[in-house]
Amino acid sequence: EGLAKLTLADVNRVIEKHLQSDNIQFVFIAKDASGLKAALESATPSPITYNSPKPELAAEDAIISKLPLSLNEVLIKPGDSVFK
């Protein structure tokens, strides 16, 4: 019932209040961790690909794919050192 009443303004207000990019951390699980690290550090645009065409997202995706990443550190850790 609460989700049905949720508005875009509500979501944006909570995002602005609670999410911050200065101390965010991401974890990726990848077959080619070295390749992923190189891609993340290269600042090369990485356009998204979909299984089916999404023309309504093309303009926004083009902008997002060129946004710079501000990375402090990219670490590769073996899975057995993370998942215990």
N, C-alpha and C. Protein backbone atom coordinates (compact mmCIF):
# COMPACT_ATOMS: atom_id res chain seq x y z
N GLU A 1 0.83 -1.20 0.00
CA GLU A 1 0.00 0.00 0.00
C GLU A 1 0.87 1.26 0.00
N GLY A 2 1.93 1.24 0.79
CA GLY A 2 2.83 2.38 0.84
C GLY A 2 3.55 2.62 -0.47
N LEU A 3 3.94 1.54 -1.15
CA LEU A 3 4.62 1.68 -2.44
C LEU A 3 3.71 2.31 -3.48
N ALA A 4 2.43 2.02 -3.41
CA ALA A 4 1.49 2.58 -4.39
C ALA A 4 1.40 4.09 -4.25
N LYS A 5 1.64 4.61 -3.07
CA LYS A 5 1.55 6.06 -2.82
C LYS A 5 2.88 6.78 -3.02
N LEU A 6 3.94 6.03 -3.25
CA LEU A 6 5.28 6.60 -3.41
C LEU A 6 5.36 7.43 -4.69
N THR A 7 5.94 8.62 -4.57
CA THR A 7 6.08 9.50 -5.73
C THR A 7 7.56 9.65 -6.10
N LEU A 8 7.80 10.16 -7.29
CA LEU A 8 9.17 10.43 -7.72
C LEU A 8 9.84 11.42 -6.77
N ALA A 9 9.11 12.41 -6.34
CA ALA A 9 9.65 13.41 -5.40
C ALA A 9 10.07 12.75 -4.09
N ASP A 10 9.27 11.78 -3.61
CA ASP A 10 9.62 11.06 -2.38
C ASP A 10 10.94 10.31 -2.56
N VAL A 11 11.06 9.60 -3.67
CA VAL A 11 12.27 8.82 -3.93
C VAL A 11 13.48 9.75 -4.04
N ASN A 12 13.36 10.82 -4.79
CA ASN A 12 14.48 11.76 -4.96
C ASN A 12 14.88 12.40 -3.63
N ARG A 13 13.91 12.71 -2.79
CA ARG A 13 14.20 13.31 -1.47
C ARG A 13 15.02 12.35 -0.62
N VAL A 14 14.65 11.09 -0.61
CA VAL A 14 15.36 10.09 0.18
C VAL A 14 16.76 9.85 -0.39
N ILE A 15 16.87 9.80 -1.70
CA ILE A 15 18.18 9.63 -2.34
C ILE A 15 19.10 10.78 -1.95
N GLU A 16 18.62 12.00 -2.06
CA GLU A 16 19.45 13.16 -1.72
C GLU A 16 19.85 13.16 -0.26
N LYS A 17 18.98 12.67 0.60
CA LYS A 17 19.26 12.66 2.04
C LYS A 17 20.26 11.57 2.42
N HIS A 18 20.14 10.38 1.81
CA HIS A 18 20.89 9.23 2.31
C HIS A 18 22.03 8.74 1.43
N LEU A 19 21.98 8.99 0.13
CA LEU A 19 23.06 8.50 -0.73
C LEU A 19 24.09 9.60 -0.94
N GLN A 20 25.33 9.21 -0.89
CA GLN A 20 26.41 10.16 -1.12
C GLN A 20 27.51 9.46 -1.90
N SER A 21 28.14 10.17 -2.79
CA SER A 21 29.15 9.54 -3.64
C SER A 21 30.55 9.65 -3.07
N ASP A 22 30.76 10.40 -2.01
CA ASP A 22 32.13 10.59 -1.53
C ASP A 22 32.66 9.39 -0.75
N ASN A 23 31.81 8.50 -0.29
CA ASN A 23 32.31 7.33 0.44
C ASN A 23 31.61 6.03 0.03
N ILE A 24 31.14 5.99 -1.19
CA ILE A 24 30.42 4.81 -1.67
C ILE A 24 31.42 3.73 -2.09
N GLN A 25 31.05 2.49 -1.86
CA GLN A 25 31.89 1.36 -2.25
C GLN A 25 31.05 0.39 -3.06
N PHE A 26 31.68 -0.24 -4.06
CA PHE A 26 31.03 -1.22 -4.90
C PHE A 26 31.82 -2.51 -4.85
N VAL A 27 31.14 -3.62 -5.00
CA VAL A 27 31.77 -4.93 -5.10
C VAL A 27 31.27 -5.57 -6.38
N PHE A 28 32.20 -6.06 -7.19
CA PHE A 28 31.87 -6.74 -8.44
C PHE A 28 32.44 -8.15 -8.37
N ILE A 29 31.71 -9.09 -8.89
CA ILE A 29 32.21 -10.45 -9.05
C ILE A 29 32.35 -10.66 -10.55
N ALA A 30 33.57 -10.97 -10.99
CA ALA A 30 33.84 -11.01 -12.43
C ALA A 30 34.70 -12.20 -12.79
N LYS A 31 34.45 -12.71 -13.98
CA LYS A 31 35.29 -13.78 -14.52
C LYS A 31 36.67 -13.24 -14.84
N ASP A 32 36.74 -12.02 -15.38
CA ASP A 32 38.00 -11.38 -15.76
C ASP A 32 38.20 -10.13 -14.91
N ALA A 33 38.60 -10.32 -13.66
CA ALA A 33 38.75 -9.20 -12.73
C ALA A 33 39.79 -8.19 -13.20
N SER A 34 40.89 -8.66 -13.79
CA SER A 34 41.93 -7.74 -14.27
C SER A 34 41.40 -6.88 -15.41
N GLY A 35 40.63 -7.48 -16.31
CA GLY A 35 40.03 -6.72 -17.40
C GLY A 35 39.02 -5.71 -16.90
N LEU A 36 38.22 -6.09 -15.90
CA LEU A 36 37.27 -5.15 -15.32
C LEU A 36 38.00 -3.99 -14.65
N LYS A 37 39.05 -4.29 -13.91
CA LYS A 37 39.83 -3.24 -13.26
C LYS A 37 40.39 -2.27 -14.30
N ALA A 38 40.96 -2.80 -15.38
CA ALA A 38 41.52 -1.95 -16.43
C ALA A 38 40.43 -1.08 -17.06
N ALA A 39 39.28 -1.65 -17.29
CA ALA A 39 38.17 -0.88 -17.88
C ALA A 39 37.71 0.23 -16.94
N LEU A 40 37.62 -0.06 -15.66
CA LEU A 40 37.19 0.95 -14.69
C LEU A 40 38.20 2.09 -14.59
N GLU A 41 39.45 1.76 -14.64
CA GLU A 41 40.50 2.76 -14.48
C GLU A 41 40.81 3.53 -15.77
N SER A 42 40.35 3.05 -16.90
CA SER A 42 40.72 3.65 -18.19
C SER A 42 39.95 4.91 -18.55
N ALA A 43 38.80 5.12 -17.91
CA ALA A 43 37.94 6.28 -18.22
C ALA A 43 37.41 6.23 -19.65
N THR A 44 37.37 5.05 -20.23
CA THR A 44 36.80 4.88 -21.56
C THR A 44 35.29 4.75 -21.44
N PRO A 45 34.53 5.47 -22.26
CA PRO A 45 33.07 5.33 -22.19
C PRO A 45 32.66 3.87 -22.40
N SER A 46 31.66 3.44 -21.65
CA SER A 46 31.20 2.05 -21.76
C SER A 46 29.69 2.03 -21.95
N PRO A 47 29.26 2.17 -23.19
CA PRO A 47 27.82 2.18 -23.43
C PRO A 47 27.17 0.86 -23.06
N ILE A 48 25.98 0.94 -22.51
CA ILE A 48 25.24 -0.25 -22.11
C ILE A 48 24.65 -0.94 -23.33
N THR A 49 24.56 -2.24 -23.27
CA THR A 49 23.90 -2.99 -24.33
C THR A 49 22.75 -3.77 -23.70
N TYR A 50 21.67 -3.86 -24.42
CA TYR A 50 20.48 -4.55 -23.95
C TYR A 50 20.21 -5.77 -24.82
N ASN A 51 19.45 -6.73 -24.28
CA ASN A 51 19.06 -7.91 -25.06
C ASN A 51 18.06 -7.56 -26.15
N SER A 52 17.31 -6.49 -25.94
CA SER A 52 16.36 -6.02 -26.95
C SER A 52 16.47 -4.50 -27.04
N PRO A 53 16.10 -3.91 -28.16
CA PRO A 53 16.24 -2.46 -28.34
C PRO A 53 15.47 -1.67 -27.28
N LYS A 54 16.07 -0.59 -26.81
CA LYS A 54 15.45 0.31 -25.84
C LYS A 54 15.63 1.75 -26.32
N PRO A 55 15.00 2.12 -27.44
CA PRO A 55 15.21 3.46 -28.00
C PRO A 55 14.85 4.59 -27.04
N GLU A 56 13.92 4.33 -26.13
CA GLU A 56 13.52 5.38 -25.18
C GLU A 56 14.63 5.71 -24.18
N LEU A 57 15.64 4.86 -24.07
CA LEU A 57 16.75 5.09 -23.15
C LEU A 57 18.03 5.54 -23.83
N ALA A 58 18.05 5.58 -25.15
CA ALA A 58 19.29 5.83 -25.89
C ALA A 58 19.93 7.16 -25.55
N ALA A 59 19.16 8.24 -25.49
CA ALA A 59 19.74 9.56 -25.22
C ALA A 59 20.33 9.62 -23.81
N GLU A 60 19.59 9.11 -22.85
CA GLU A 60 20.08 9.12 -21.47
C GLU A 60 21.30 8.21 -21.31
N ASP A 61 21.26 7.04 -21.92
CA ASP A 61 22.40 6.12 -21.85
C ASP A 61 23.66 6.73 -22.47
N ALA A 62 23.50 7.50 -23.54
CA ALA A 62 24.66 8.14 -24.19
C ALA A 62 25.32 9.13 -23.24
N ILE A 63 24.53 9.83 -22.46
CA ILE A 63 25.08 10.79 -21.48
C ILE A 63 25.76 10.04 -20.34
N ILE A 64 25.08 9.05 -19.80
CA ILE A 64 25.61 8.30 -18.66
C ILE A 64 26.90 7.59 -19.02
N SER A 65 27.00 7.04 -20.21
CA SER A 65 28.19 6.27 -20.58
C SER A 65 29.45 7.11 -20.62
N LYS A 66 29.31 8.42 -20.71
CA LYS A 66 30.47 9.31 -20.78
C LYS A 66 30.81 9.99 -19.46
N LEU A 67 30.00 9.73 -18.42
CA LEU A 67 30.27 10.34 -17.13
C LEU A 67 31.59 9.82 -16.57
N PRO A 68 32.43 10.70 -16.05
CA PRO A 68 33.71 10.25 -15.52
C PRO A 68 33.54 9.53 -14.18
N LEU A 69 34.39 8.55 -13.95
CA LEU A 69 34.44 7.89 -12.66
C LEU A 69 35.55 8.53 -11.85
N SER A 70 35.29 8.76 -10.60
CA SER A 70 36.31 9.28 -9.71
C SER A 70 36.64 8.18 -8.72
N LEU A 71 37.63 7.38 -9.07
CA LEU A 71 37.97 6.20 -8.27
C LEU A 71 39.19 6.47 -7.40
N ASN A 72 39.07 6.12 -6.14
CA ASN A 72 40.22 6.23 -5.25
C ASN A 72 41.12 5.00 -5.38
N GLU A 73 40.48 3.85 -5.49
CA GLU A 73 41.25 2.61 -5.48
C GLU A 73 40.40 1.49 -6.07
N VAL A 74 41.00 0.67 -6.89
CA VAL A 74 40.33 -0.52 -7.42
C VAL A 74 41.16 -1.72 -6.98
N LEU A 75 40.58 -2.56 -6.16
CA LEU A 75 41.28 -3.72 -5.62
C LEU A 75 40.71 -4.99 -6.22
N ILE A 76 41.57 -5.97 -6.41
CA ILE A 76 41.14 -7.31 -6.80
C ILE A 76 41.43 -8.23 -5.63
N LYS A 77 40.38 -8.90 -5.16
CA LYS A 77 40.54 -9.84 -4.05
C LYS A 77 40.00 -11.20 -4.48
N PRO A 78 40.70 -12.25 -4.15
CA PRO A 78 40.18 -13.58 -4.45
C PRO A 78 38.87 -13.83 -3.71
N GLY A 79 37.96 -14.53 -4.35
CA GLY A 79 36.66 -14.79 -3.74
C GLY A 79 36.74 -15.48 -2.41
N ASP A 80 37.70 -16.39 -2.24
CA ASP A 80 37.79 -17.12 -0.97
C ASP A 80 38.30 -16.25 0.18
N SER A 81 38.82 -15.06 -0.13
CA SER A 81 39.23 -14.15 0.95
C SER A 81 38.10 -13.21 1.35
N VAL A 82 37.05 -13.19 0.55
CA VAL A 82 35.93 -12.29 0.83
C VAL A 82 34.74 -13.06 1.41
N PHE A 83 34.44 -14.21 0.81
CA PHE A 83 33.29 -15.01 1.23
C PHE A 83 33.76 -16.15 2.12
N LYS A 84 33.41 -16.06 3.37
CA LYS A 84 33.83 -17.11 4.33
C LYS A 84 32.62 -17.69 5.00
